[in-house]
């Protein structure tokens, strides 16, 4: 009930009808997994550097339809930030303007369900920009992979502490690691986690 009212309120505040498709009902079995690289971990003051996204359809990760965007930066990227994501200002030679990147991302996700690791942060980063642009926040359904993992893992160790670190989840699910802190690679690894969790019956005990 509350979710429906919130969605209607959100839709009412859309200022650009070109993006009304975000609110369409969908019967699609596609999910979009996405990840953002940023200048820091505070959505209020830090900036978006890149977005990586990949679609899942049924049991397949559609890497041939992936999205990887680099965004122009108004300020020099700090050395501290570079040590995390390895993106230097000179690496943004083919970056695109922020508004173009956000619009491209919205057309890519459409009305599909979104999934991710630490998804709340990534959604907050996108909302930071679409709120002033379009008057709304992302209306898409959302699934947090660490929460799915937790729900399956707690059944095996009900009295234990569950390690929800990204690398730990990958290892526990016997999934390969790609180069870390690359938005598209992180999205693909998260997609592998999502798919495996959706199709595994029980997780192994530690």
N, C-alpha and C. Protein backbone atom coordinates (compact mmCIF):
# COMPACT_ATOMS: atom_id res chain seq x y z
N UNK A 1 0.83 -1.20 0.00
CA UNK A 1 0.00 0.00 0.00
C UNK A 1 0.87 1.26 0.00
N UNK A 2 1.82 1.33 0.97
CA UNK A 2 2.69 2.50 1.05
C UNK A 2 3.55 2.62 -0.20
N UNK A 3 4.06 1.47 -0.69
CA UNK A 3 4.89 1.49 -1.89
C UNK A 3 4.14 2.02 -3.09
N UNK A 4 2.86 1.65 -3.21
CA UNK A 4 2.03 2.10 -4.33
C UNK A 4 1.79 3.60 -4.26
N UNK A 5 1.53 4.12 -3.07
CA UNK A 5 1.31 5.56 -2.89
C UNK A 5 2.59 6.35 -3.18
N UNK A 6 3.71 5.80 -2.73
CA UNK A 6 5.00 6.47 -2.97
C UNK A 6 5.29 6.53 -4.46
N UNK A 7 4.96 5.45 -5.16
CA UNK A 7 5.20 5.39 -6.61
C UNK A 7 4.31 6.42 -7.33
N UNK A 8 3.05 6.53 -6.92
CA UNK A 8 2.14 7.49 -7.53
C UNK A 8 2.60 8.92 -7.27
N UNK A 9 3.07 9.17 -6.06
CA UNK A 9 3.57 10.50 -5.71
C UNK A 9 4.80 10.82 -6.55
N UNK A 10 5.67 9.84 -6.72
CA UNK A 10 6.87 10.01 -7.52
C UNK A 10 6.51 10.32 -8.97
N UNK A 11 5.59 9.54 -9.52
CA UNK A 11 5.15 9.73 -10.92
C UNK A 11 4.55 11.12 -11.13
N UNK A 12 3.82 11.61 -10.16
CA UNK A 12 3.17 12.91 -10.26
C UNK A 12 4.20 14.04 -10.40
N UNK A 13 5.40 13.79 -9.85
CA UNK A 13 6.42 14.84 -9.85
C UNK A 13 7.39 14.75 -11.03
N UNK A 14 7.15 13.80 -11.95
CA UNK A 14 7.99 13.70 -13.14
C UNK A 14 7.81 14.96 -14.00
N UNK A 15 8.91 15.63 -14.31
CA UNK A 15 8.83 16.89 -15.05
C UNK A 15 9.13 16.74 -16.54
N UNK A 16 9.53 15.54 -16.95
CA UNK A 16 9.87 15.31 -18.35
C UNK A 16 9.21 14.02 -18.81
N UNK A 17 8.14 14.14 -19.58
CA UNK A 17 7.35 12.97 -19.98
C UNK A 17 8.10 12.02 -20.90
N UNK A 18 9.25 12.41 -21.39
CA UNK A 18 10.06 11.48 -22.19
C UNK A 18 10.47 10.26 -21.36
N UNK A 19 10.46 10.42 -20.04
CA UNK A 19 10.90 9.34 -19.16
C UNK A 19 9.75 8.67 -18.41
N UNK A 20 8.54 8.84 -18.93
CA UNK A 20 7.37 8.19 -18.32
C UNK A 20 7.49 6.67 -18.37
N UNK A 21 8.29 6.15 -19.32
CA UNK A 21 8.45 4.69 -19.45
C UNK A 21 9.04 4.06 -18.19
N UNK A 22 9.71 4.84 -17.37
CA UNK A 22 10.28 4.30 -16.14
C UNK A 22 9.20 3.76 -15.21
N UNK A 23 7.99 4.30 -15.35
CA UNK A 23 6.88 3.93 -14.46
C UNK A 23 5.97 2.87 -15.06
N UNK A 24 6.26 2.42 -16.29
CA UNK A 24 5.42 1.40 -16.92
C UNK A 24 5.49 0.10 -16.14
N UNK A 25 4.38 -0.61 -16.12
CA UNK A 25 4.38 -1.96 -15.55
C UNK A 25 5.10 -2.88 -16.54
N UNK A 26 5.80 -3.88 -16.01
CA UNK A 26 6.54 -4.77 -16.89
C UNK A 26 6.32 -6.22 -16.53
N UNK A 27 6.24 -7.05 -17.57
CA UNK A 27 6.15 -8.49 -17.38
C UNK A 27 7.47 -9.13 -17.78
N UNK A 28 8.48 -8.29 -18.04
CA UNK A 28 9.78 -8.77 -18.50
C UNK A 28 10.49 -9.55 -17.41
N UNK A 29 11.26 -10.57 -17.83
CA UNK A 29 12.05 -11.33 -16.87
C UNK A 29 13.48 -10.79 -16.82
N UNK A 30 13.70 -9.62 -17.39
CA UNK A 30 15.03 -9.03 -17.39
C UNK A 30 15.28 -8.22 -16.12
N UNK A 31 16.52 -8.30 -15.66
CA UNK A 31 16.99 -7.53 -14.50
C UNK A 31 18.23 -6.79 -14.94
N UNK A 32 18.42 -5.58 -14.45
CA UNK A 32 19.65 -4.84 -14.73
C UNK A 32 20.48 -4.76 -13.45
N UNK A 33 21.72 -5.24 -13.54
CA UNK A 33 22.67 -5.12 -12.44
C UNK A 33 23.60 -3.97 -12.76
N UNK A 34 23.77 -3.04 -11.82
CA UNK A 34 24.65 -1.91 -12.13
C UNK A 34 25.53 -1.54 -10.95
N UNK A 35 26.60 -0.82 -11.28
CA UNK A 35 27.56 -0.39 -10.27
C UNK A 35 28.08 0.98 -10.68
N UNK A 36 28.39 1.80 -9.69
CA UNK A 36 28.94 3.13 -9.94
C UNK A 36 30.33 3.25 -9.34
N UNK A 37 31.21 3.94 -10.04
CA UNK A 37 32.47 4.37 -9.46
C UNK A 37 32.35 5.86 -9.20
N UNK A 38 32.76 6.28 -8.01
CA UNK A 38 32.56 7.66 -7.57
C UNK A 38 33.84 8.23 -6.95
N UNK A 39 33.81 9.51 -6.67
CA UNK A 39 34.98 10.14 -6.04
C UNK A 39 35.04 9.90 -4.54
N UNK A 40 33.99 9.30 -3.98
CA UNK A 40 33.96 9.02 -2.55
C UNK A 40 32.68 8.30 -2.19
N UNK A 41 32.42 8.19 -0.90
CA UNK A 41 31.27 7.41 -0.43
C UNK A 41 30.16 8.27 0.17
N UNK A 42 30.15 9.55 -0.16
CA UNK A 42 29.11 10.44 0.33
C UNK A 42 28.32 10.98 -0.86
N UNK A 43 27.13 10.43 -1.10
CA UNK A 43 26.35 10.87 -2.26
C UNK A 43 26.06 12.36 -2.29
N UNK A 44 26.04 13.00 -1.13
CA UNK A 44 25.71 14.42 -1.08
C UNK A 44 26.82 15.30 -1.64
N UNK A 45 28.08 14.87 -1.46
CA UNK A 45 29.17 15.75 -1.89
C UNK A 45 30.09 15.14 -2.95
N UNK A 46 30.05 13.81 -3.11
CA UNK A 46 30.94 13.18 -4.08
C UNK A 46 30.28 13.06 -5.46
N UNK A 47 31.13 12.84 -6.46
CA UNK A 47 30.66 12.86 -7.86
C UNK A 47 30.73 11.48 -8.49
N UNK A 48 29.91 11.31 -9.50
CA UNK A 48 29.85 10.07 -10.27
C UNK A 48 30.93 10.12 -11.35
N UNK A 49 31.75 9.05 -11.41
CA UNK A 49 32.82 8.98 -12.41
C UNK A 49 32.46 8.02 -13.54
N UNK A 50 31.91 6.86 -13.20
CA UNK A 50 31.53 5.90 -14.24
C UNK A 50 30.36 5.05 -13.78
N UNK A 51 29.64 4.51 -14.76
CA UNK A 51 28.51 3.59 -14.50
C UNK A 51 28.72 2.36 -15.36
N UNK A 52 28.61 1.20 -14.74
CA UNK A 52 28.65 -0.06 -15.47
C UNK A 52 27.36 -0.80 -15.24
N UNK A 53 26.79 -1.37 -16.28
CA UNK A 53 25.51 -2.08 -16.12
C UNK A 53 25.43 -3.24 -17.11
N UNK A 54 24.74 -4.28 -16.70
CA UNK A 54 24.56 -5.45 -17.55
C UNK A 54 23.17 -6.01 -17.30
N UNK A 55 22.57 -6.54 -18.36
CA UNK A 55 21.23 -7.12 -18.24
C UNK A 55 21.32 -8.63 -18.00
N UNK A 56 20.37 -9.13 -17.22
CA UNK A 56 20.19 -10.56 -17.04
C UNK A 56 18.83 -10.92 -17.63
N UNK A 57 18.81 -11.91 -18.49
CA UNK A 57 17.55 -12.39 -19.06
C UNK A 57 17.48 -13.88 -18.83
N UNK A 58 16.52 -14.31 -18.04
CA UNK A 58 16.43 -15.73 -17.71
C UNK A 58 17.66 -16.15 -16.93
N UNK A 59 18.43 -17.10 -17.48
CA UNK A 59 19.63 -17.59 -16.84
C UNK A 59 20.91 -17.05 -17.48
N UNK A 60 20.77 -16.00 -18.29
CA UNK A 60 21.94 -15.51 -19.02
C UNK A 60 22.28 -14.07 -18.67
N UNK A 61 23.58 -13.80 -18.57
CA UNK A 61 24.08 -12.44 -18.41
C UNK A 61 24.40 -11.92 -19.82
N UNK A 62 23.72 -10.89 -20.24
CA UNK A 62 23.86 -10.39 -21.61
C UNK A 62 25.03 -9.40 -21.71
N UNK A 63 26.24 -9.92 -21.64
CA UNK A 63 27.42 -9.06 -21.67
C UNK A 63 27.56 -8.32 -22.99
N UNK A 64 26.99 -8.88 -24.05
CA UNK A 64 27.06 -8.20 -25.36
C UNK A 64 26.14 -6.98 -25.42
N UNK A 65 25.30 -6.81 -24.39
CA UNK A 65 24.43 -5.64 -24.31
C UNK A 65 24.78 -4.76 -23.11
N UNK A 66 25.99 -4.89 -22.64
CA UNK A 66 26.40 -4.15 -21.43
C UNK A 66 26.55 -2.66 -21.71
N UNK A 67 26.59 -1.91 -20.63
CA UNK A 67 26.74 -0.45 -20.71
C UNK A 67 27.89 -0.03 -19.82
N UNK A 68 28.80 0.78 -20.35
CA UNK A 68 29.92 1.28 -19.56
C UNK A 68 30.16 2.73 -19.95
N UNK A 69 29.86 3.63 -19.03
CA UNK A 69 29.94 5.06 -19.30
C UNK A 69 30.97 5.73 -18.40
N UNK A 70 31.76 6.62 -18.99
CA UNK A 70 32.66 7.48 -18.22
C UNK A 70 32.14 8.90 -18.30
N UNK A 71 32.20 9.61 -17.19
CA UNK A 71 31.54 10.90 -17.08
C UNK A 71 32.55 12.03 -16.89
N UNK A 72 32.35 13.10 -17.63
CA UNK A 72 33.23 14.26 -17.52
C UNK A 72 33.23 14.79 -16.09
N UNK A 73 34.43 15.21 -15.63
CA UNK A 73 34.57 15.72 -14.27
C UNK A 73 34.90 17.21 -14.28
N UNK A 74 34.19 17.97 -13.46
CA UNK A 74 34.43 19.41 -13.36
C UNK A 74 35.68 19.69 -12.53
N UNK A 75 35.98 18.80 -11.59
CA UNK A 75 37.13 18.99 -10.72
C UNK A 75 38.11 17.85 -10.89
N UNK A 76 39.37 18.12 -10.55
CA UNK A 76 40.41 17.10 -10.63
C UNK A 76 40.10 15.96 -9.66
N UNK A 77 40.27 14.72 -10.11
CA UNK A 77 40.04 13.56 -9.24
C UNK A 77 41.17 13.47 -8.22
N UNK A 78 40.83 13.30 -6.96
CA UNK A 78 41.84 13.28 -5.91
C UNK A 78 42.68 12.02 -5.97
N UNK A 79 43.90 12.11 -5.46
CA UNK A 79 44.81 10.96 -5.43
C UNK A 79 44.21 9.82 -4.60
N UNK A 80 43.54 10.17 -3.51
CA UNK A 80 42.92 9.16 -2.65
C UNK A 80 41.86 8.37 -3.40
N UNK A 81 41.07 9.09 -4.20
CA UNK A 81 40.02 8.45 -4.99
C UNK A 81 40.62 7.54 -6.06
N UNK A 82 41.70 7.99 -6.68
CA UNK A 82 42.35 7.22 -7.75
C UNK A 82 42.89 5.89 -7.23
N UNK A 83 43.37 5.87 -5.98
CA UNK A 83 43.91 4.63 -5.41
C UNK A 83 42.83 3.56 -5.28
N UNK A 84 41.57 3.95 -5.25
CA UNK A 84 40.47 2.99 -5.11
C UNK A 84 40.00 2.48 -6.47
N UNK A 85 39.68 3.39 -7.39
CA UNK A 85 39.09 2.97 -8.66
C UNK A 85 40.06 3.01 -9.84
N UNK A 86 41.27 3.52 -9.62
CA UNK A 86 42.31 3.56 -10.67
C UNK A 86 41.93 4.39 -11.89
N UNK A 87 40.97 5.27 -11.75
CA UNK A 87 40.57 6.14 -12.87
C UNK A 87 41.20 7.51 -12.67
N UNK A 88 42.09 7.89 -13.59
CA UNK A 88 42.74 9.20 -13.54
C UNK A 88 42.01 10.17 -14.46
N UNK A 89 42.26 11.44 -14.27
CA UNK A 89 41.58 12.44 -15.09
C UNK A 89 41.91 12.23 -16.58
N UNK A 90 43.14 11.82 -16.86
CA UNK A 90 43.54 11.60 -18.25
C UNK A 90 42.84 10.39 -18.88
N UNK A 91 42.26 9.51 -18.04
CA UNK A 91 41.54 8.34 -18.55
C UNK A 91 40.14 8.71 -19.04
N UNK A 92 39.74 9.94 -18.80
CA UNK A 92 38.39 10.37 -19.14
C UNK A 92 38.34 11.15 -20.46
N UNK A 93 39.28 10.84 -21.33
CA UNK A 93 39.38 11.56 -22.61
C UNK A 93 38.11 11.44 -23.44
N UNK A 94 37.47 10.27 -23.39
CA UNK A 94 36.24 10.05 -24.17
C UNK A 94 35.00 10.08 -23.29
N UNK A 95 35.12 10.70 -22.13
CA UNK A 95 33.97 10.78 -21.22
C UNK A 95 32.89 11.67 -21.81
N UNK A 96 31.66 11.46 -21.34
CA UNK A 96 30.53 12.23 -21.86
C UNK A 96 29.95 13.12 -20.75
N UNK A 97 29.21 14.15 -21.12
CA UNK A 97 28.60 15.03 -20.11
C UNK A 97 27.68 14.26 -19.18
N UNK A 98 27.59 14.74 -17.94
CA UNK A 98 26.80 14.06 -16.91
C UNK A 98 25.36 13.82 -17.33
N UNK A 99 24.69 14.84 -17.84
CA UNK A 99 23.27 14.70 -18.19
C UNK A 99 23.08 13.65 -19.29
N UNK A 100 23.98 13.62 -20.25
CA UNK A 100 23.91 12.62 -21.31
C UNK A 100 24.08 11.21 -20.73
N UNK A 101 25.00 11.07 -19.79
CA UNK A 101 25.25 9.76 -19.17
C UNK A 101 24.02 9.29 -18.40
N UNK A 102 23.41 10.18 -17.64
CA UNK A 102 22.23 9.81 -16.85
C UNK A 102 21.07 9.42 -17.77
N UNK A 103 20.85 10.19 -18.83
CA UNK A 103 19.76 9.86 -19.76
C UNK A 103 20.03 8.53 -20.46
N UNK A 104 21.27 8.28 -20.84
CA UNK A 104 21.62 7.01 -21.48
C UNK A 104 21.37 5.85 -20.53
N UNK A 105 21.74 6.02 -19.28
CA UNK A 105 21.52 4.99 -18.27
C UNK A 105 20.03 4.72 -18.07
N UNK A 106 19.23 5.76 -17.99
CA UNK A 106 17.79 5.58 -17.78
C UNK A 106 17.13 4.86 -18.95
N UNK A 107 17.54 5.18 -20.17
CA UNK A 107 17.00 4.47 -21.34
C UNK A 107 17.45 3.01 -21.32
N UNK A 108 18.63 2.75 -20.79
CA UNK A 108 19.14 1.38 -20.73
C UNK A 108 18.35 0.53 -19.72
N UNK A 109 18.09 1.08 -18.55
CA UNK A 109 17.40 0.28 -17.52
C UNK A 109 15.91 0.18 -17.77
N UNK A 110 15.32 1.21 -18.39
CA UNK A 110 13.88 1.19 -18.61
C UNK A 110 13.13 1.00 -17.31
N UNK A 111 12.12 0.12 -17.34
CA UNK A 111 11.34 -0.15 -16.14
C UNK A 111 11.73 -1.47 -15.48
N UNK A 112 12.93 -1.98 -15.82
CA UNK A 112 13.37 -3.27 -15.29
C UNK A 112 13.73 -3.19 -13.81
N UNK A 113 13.69 -4.34 -13.15
CA UNK A 113 14.16 -4.44 -11.77
C UNK A 113 15.66 -4.19 -11.74
N UNK A 114 16.14 -3.50 -10.71
CA UNK A 114 17.56 -3.22 -10.54
C UNK A 114 18.12 -4.11 -9.43
N UNK A 115 19.34 -4.58 -9.63
CA UNK A 115 20.01 -5.38 -8.60
C UNK A 115 21.43 -4.87 -8.45
N UNK A 116 22.00 -5.08 -7.27
CA UNK A 116 23.37 -4.63 -7.06
C UNK A 116 23.87 -4.98 -5.69
N UNK A 117 25.14 -4.72 -5.47
CA UNK A 117 25.78 -4.90 -4.16
C UNK A 117 26.01 -3.52 -3.59
N UNK A 118 25.54 -3.29 -2.36
CA UNK A 118 25.53 -1.95 -1.77
C UNK A 118 24.70 -1.06 -2.68
N UNK A 119 23.57 -1.61 -3.14
CA UNK A 119 22.72 -0.95 -4.14
C UNK A 119 22.17 0.39 -3.64
N UNK A 120 21.93 0.48 -2.36
CA UNK A 120 21.38 1.71 -1.80
C UNK A 120 22.26 2.92 -2.12
N UNK A 121 23.58 2.71 -2.05
CA UNK A 121 24.51 3.79 -2.36
C UNK A 121 24.45 4.17 -3.84
N UNK A 122 24.49 3.16 -4.72
CA UNK A 122 24.47 3.43 -6.16
C UNK A 122 23.17 4.13 -6.57
N UNK A 123 22.06 3.69 -6.00
CA UNK A 123 20.77 4.33 -6.30
C UNK A 123 20.77 5.78 -5.80
N UNK A 124 21.35 6.00 -4.61
CA UNK A 124 21.42 7.36 -4.07
C UNK A 124 22.24 8.28 -4.98
N UNK A 125 23.31 7.72 -5.57
CA UNK A 125 24.13 8.52 -6.48
C UNK A 125 23.34 8.91 -7.73
N UNK A 126 22.58 7.96 -8.28
CA UNK A 126 21.76 8.27 -9.47
C UNK A 126 20.66 9.26 -9.11
N UNK A 127 20.01 9.03 -7.97
CA UNK A 127 18.92 9.92 -7.54
C UNK A 127 19.41 11.35 -7.33
N UNK A 128 20.65 11.49 -6.89
CA UNK A 128 21.23 12.82 -6.68
C UNK A 128 21.12 13.66 -7.95
N UNK A 129 21.24 13.01 -9.09
CA UNK A 129 21.22 13.74 -10.37
C UNK A 129 19.85 13.77 -11.03
N UNK A 130 19.07 12.68 -10.92
CA UNK A 130 17.79 12.70 -11.62
C UNK A 130 16.73 13.52 -10.87
N UNK A 131 16.92 13.71 -9.58
CA UNK A 131 15.95 14.52 -8.83
C UNK A 131 15.89 15.94 -9.37
N UNK A 132 17.02 16.64 -9.52
CA UNK A 132 16.93 17.99 -10.11
C UNK A 132 16.65 17.99 -11.61
N UNK A 133 17.05 16.91 -12.30
CA UNK A 133 16.83 16.83 -13.74
C UNK A 133 15.37 16.54 -14.09
N UNK A 134 14.77 15.58 -13.35
CA UNK A 134 13.45 15.07 -13.73
C UNK A 134 12.40 15.20 -12.63
N UNK A 135 12.81 15.59 -11.44
CA UNK A 135 11.85 15.76 -10.34
C UNK A 135 11.49 14.48 -9.62
N UNK A 136 12.16 13.36 -9.97
CA UNK A 136 11.80 12.05 -9.39
C UNK A 136 13.04 11.34 -8.84
N UNK A 137 12.79 10.23 -8.18
CA UNK A 137 13.84 9.27 -7.83
C UNK A 137 13.55 7.99 -8.61
N UNK A 138 14.54 7.11 -8.69
CA UNK A 138 14.35 5.87 -9.46
C UNK A 138 13.14 5.09 -8.94
N UNK A 139 12.15 4.81 -9.80
CA UNK A 139 10.95 4.08 -9.36
C UNK A 139 11.08 2.57 -9.49
N UNK A 140 12.19 2.09 -10.06
CA UNK A 140 12.35 0.66 -10.35
C UNK A 140 12.40 -0.18 -9.08
N UNK A 141 11.88 -1.41 -9.16
CA UNK A 141 12.04 -2.36 -8.07
C UNK A 141 13.52 -2.64 -7.89
N UNK A 142 13.93 -2.94 -6.65
CA UNK A 142 15.35 -3.11 -6.36
C UNK A 142 15.60 -4.37 -5.53
N UNK A 143 16.71 -5.05 -5.85
CA UNK A 143 17.11 -6.24 -5.12
C UNK A 143 18.57 -6.12 -4.71
N UNK A 144 18.82 -6.26 -3.41
CA UNK A 144 20.17 -6.19 -2.86
C UNK A 144 20.75 -7.59 -2.76
N UNK A 145 21.85 -7.87 -3.48
CA UNK A 145 22.38 -9.24 -3.52
C UNK A 145 22.91 -9.69 -2.17
N UNK A 146 23.46 -8.78 -1.36
CA UNK A 146 23.96 -9.20 -0.05
C UNK A 146 22.81 -9.62 0.86
N UNK A 147 21.64 -9.04 0.68
CA UNK A 147 20.46 -9.44 1.47
C UNK A 147 19.97 -10.82 1.04
N UNK A 148 20.01 -11.08 -0.27
CA UNK A 148 19.64 -12.42 -0.77
C UNK A 148 20.61 -13.45 -0.21
N UNK A 149 21.89 -13.13 -0.24
CA UNK A 149 22.92 -14.03 0.28
C UNK A 149 22.71 -14.28 1.78
N UNK A 150 22.45 -13.21 2.51
CA UNK A 150 22.24 -13.34 3.95
C UNK A 150 21.07 -14.28 4.25
N UNK A 151 19.96 -14.10 3.56
CA UNK A 151 18.77 -14.92 3.81
C UNK A 151 19.04 -16.40 3.55
N UNK A 152 19.86 -16.70 2.56
CA UNK A 152 20.18 -18.10 2.27
C UNK A 152 21.24 -18.63 3.23
N UNK A 153 22.17 -17.79 3.64
CA UNK A 153 23.27 -18.23 4.49
C UNK A 153 22.85 -18.43 5.92
N UNK A 154 21.93 -17.62 6.40
CA UNK A 154 21.53 -17.69 7.81
C UNK A 154 20.92 -19.05 8.14
N UNK A 155 20.37 -19.72 7.14
CA UNK A 155 19.78 -21.04 7.37
C UNK A 155 20.86 -22.08 7.71
N UNK A 156 22.10 -21.81 7.29
CA UNK A 156 23.18 -22.78 7.54
C UNK A 156 23.92 -22.49 8.85
N UNK A 157 23.90 -21.23 9.28
CA UNK A 157 24.58 -20.87 10.53
C UNK A 157 23.71 -19.88 11.31
N UNK A 158 22.57 -20.33 11.81
CA UNK A 158 21.61 -19.42 12.44
C UNK A 158 22.16 -18.66 13.65
N UNK A 159 23.18 -19.19 14.31
CA UNK A 159 23.73 -18.51 15.48
C UNK A 159 25.03 -17.77 15.17
N UNK A 160 25.43 -17.75 13.91
CA UNK A 160 26.73 -17.18 13.58
C UNK A 160 26.65 -15.80 12.96
N UNK A 161 27.81 -15.17 12.82
CA UNK A 161 27.93 -13.89 12.13
C UNK A 161 28.23 -14.15 10.66
N UNK A 162 27.54 -13.49 9.78
CA UNK A 162 27.70 -13.73 8.36
C UNK A 162 28.53 -12.62 7.73
N UNK A 163 29.59 -13.02 7.07
CA UNK A 163 30.50 -12.08 6.40
C UNK A 163 29.89 -11.69 5.06
N UNK A 164 29.52 -10.43 4.91
CA UNK A 164 28.85 -9.96 3.70
C UNK A 164 29.79 -9.19 2.77
N UNK A 165 31.09 -9.31 2.98
CA UNK A 165 32.03 -8.64 2.07
C UNK A 165 31.94 -9.26 0.69
N UNK A 166 32.11 -8.43 -0.32
CA UNK A 166 31.94 -8.84 -1.72
C UNK A 166 32.83 -10.03 -2.06
N UNK A 167 34.12 -9.95 -1.73
CA UNK A 167 35.06 -11.02 -2.06
C UNK A 167 34.70 -12.31 -1.34
N UNK A 168 34.20 -12.19 -0.12
CA UNK A 168 33.81 -13.37 0.65
C UNK A 168 32.64 -14.09 -0.03
N UNK A 169 31.68 -13.31 -0.50
CA UNK A 169 30.52 -13.90 -1.19
C UNK A 169 30.96 -14.59 -2.47
N UNK A 170 31.84 -13.94 -3.23
CA UNK A 170 32.35 -14.56 -4.46
C UNK A 170 33.02 -15.90 -4.16
N UNK A 171 33.88 -15.91 -3.13
CA UNK A 171 34.61 -17.13 -2.77
C UNK A 171 33.65 -18.22 -2.31
N UNK A 172 32.68 -17.84 -1.50
CA UNK A 172 31.73 -18.83 -0.98
C UNK A 172 30.90 -19.46 -2.09
N UNK A 173 30.65 -18.70 -3.13
CA UNK A 173 29.84 -19.21 -4.26
C UNK A 173 30.70 -19.79 -5.38
N UNK A 174 32.02 -19.84 -5.13
CA UNK A 174 32.97 -20.39 -6.13
C UNK A 174 32.87 -19.68 -7.47
N UNK A 175 32.83 -18.36 -7.41
CA UNK A 175 32.73 -17.54 -8.62
C UNK A 175 34.07 -16.85 -8.90
N UNK A 176 34.39 -16.65 -10.17
CA UNK A 176 35.67 -16.02 -10.52
C UNK A 176 35.67 -14.53 -10.23
N UNK A 177 36.87 -13.99 -10.04
CA UNK A 177 37.02 -12.56 -9.82
C UNK A 177 37.55 -11.90 -11.09
N UNK A 178 36.94 -10.79 -11.43
CA UNK A 178 37.44 -9.96 -12.51
C UNK A 178 38.21 -8.79 -11.89
N UNK A 179 38.81 -7.97 -12.71
CA UNK A 179 39.52 -6.81 -12.17
C UNK A 179 38.56 -5.96 -11.36
N UNK A 180 38.92 -5.73 -10.10
CA UNK A 180 38.01 -5.02 -9.19
C UNK A 180 38.02 -3.52 -9.43
N UNK A 181 36.99 -2.85 -8.89
CA UNK A 181 36.85 -1.39 -8.93
C UNK A 181 36.80 -0.86 -10.36
N UNK A 182 36.25 -1.67 -11.24
CA UNK A 182 35.88 -1.25 -12.58
C UNK A 182 34.37 -1.43 -12.62
N UNK A 183 33.63 -0.36 -12.93
CA UNK A 183 32.18 -0.41 -12.78
C UNK A 183 31.54 -1.56 -13.54
N UNK A 184 31.98 -1.81 -14.77
CA UNK A 184 31.38 -2.88 -15.55
C UNK A 184 31.77 -4.25 -15.00
N UNK A 185 33.04 -4.44 -14.66
CA UNK A 185 33.46 -5.72 -14.08
C UNK A 185 32.72 -6.01 -12.78
N UNK A 186 32.57 -4.98 -11.94
CA UNK A 186 31.84 -5.16 -10.69
C UNK A 186 30.39 -5.52 -10.95
N UNK A 187 29.79 -4.92 -11.98
CA UNK A 187 28.41 -5.25 -12.32
C UNK A 187 28.29 -6.69 -12.81
N UNK A 188 29.25 -7.14 -13.61
CA UNK A 188 29.23 -8.52 -14.12
C UNK A 188 29.41 -9.52 -12.98
N UNK A 189 30.34 -9.25 -12.07
CA UNK A 189 30.54 -10.15 -10.93
C UNK A 189 29.29 -10.18 -10.04
N UNK A 190 28.67 -9.03 -9.84
CA UNK A 190 27.44 -8.97 -9.05
C UNK A 190 26.33 -9.74 -9.75
N UNK A 191 26.28 -9.67 -11.07
CA UNK A 191 25.28 -10.42 -11.84
C UNK A 191 25.49 -11.92 -11.67
N UNK A 192 26.76 -12.35 -11.64
CA UNK A 192 27.04 -13.78 -11.42
C UNK A 192 26.56 -14.20 -10.03
N UNK A 193 26.80 -13.36 -9.04
CA UNK A 193 26.32 -13.65 -7.68
C UNK A 193 24.80 -13.76 -7.67
N UNK A 194 24.15 -12.79 -8.29
CA UNK A 194 22.69 -12.75 -8.32
C UNK A 194 22.11 -14.02 -8.94
N UNK A 195 22.65 -14.40 -10.09
CA UNK A 195 22.14 -15.60 -10.77
C UNK A 195 22.34 -16.86 -9.95
N UNK A 196 23.53 -16.98 -9.37
CA UNK A 196 23.81 -18.20 -8.60
C UNK A 196 22.91 -18.28 -7.38
N UNK A 197 22.71 -17.16 -6.71
CA UNK A 197 21.85 -17.16 -5.53
C UNK A 197 20.40 -17.46 -5.89
N UNK A 198 19.98 -17.04 -7.08
CA UNK A 198 18.60 -17.29 -7.49
C UNK A 198 18.36 -18.76 -7.81
N UNK A 199 19.43 -19.49 -8.14
CA UNK A 199 19.25 -20.86 -8.59
C UNK A 199 19.85 -21.92 -7.67
N UNK A 200 20.56 -21.48 -6.63
CA UNK A 200 21.11 -22.46 -5.70
C UNK A 200 20.07 -22.75 -4.62
N UNK A 201 19.96 -24.02 -4.23
CA UNK A 201 19.00 -24.41 -3.20
C UNK A 201 19.46 -24.01 -1.82
N UNK A 202 20.65 -24.51 -1.45
CA UNK A 202 21.21 -24.23 -0.14
C UNK A 202 22.67 -23.85 -0.28
N UNK A 203 23.12 -22.98 0.57
CA UNK A 203 24.54 -22.62 0.57
C UNK A 203 25.29 -23.57 1.50
N UNK A 204 26.58 -23.77 1.20
CA UNK A 204 27.38 -24.68 2.01
C UNK A 204 27.64 -24.09 3.39
N UNK A 205 27.83 -24.95 4.36
CA UNK A 205 28.21 -24.50 5.69
C UNK A 205 29.69 -24.14 5.71
N UNK A 206 30.03 -23.20 6.58
CA UNK A 206 31.43 -22.83 6.72
C UNK A 206 32.16 -23.88 7.54
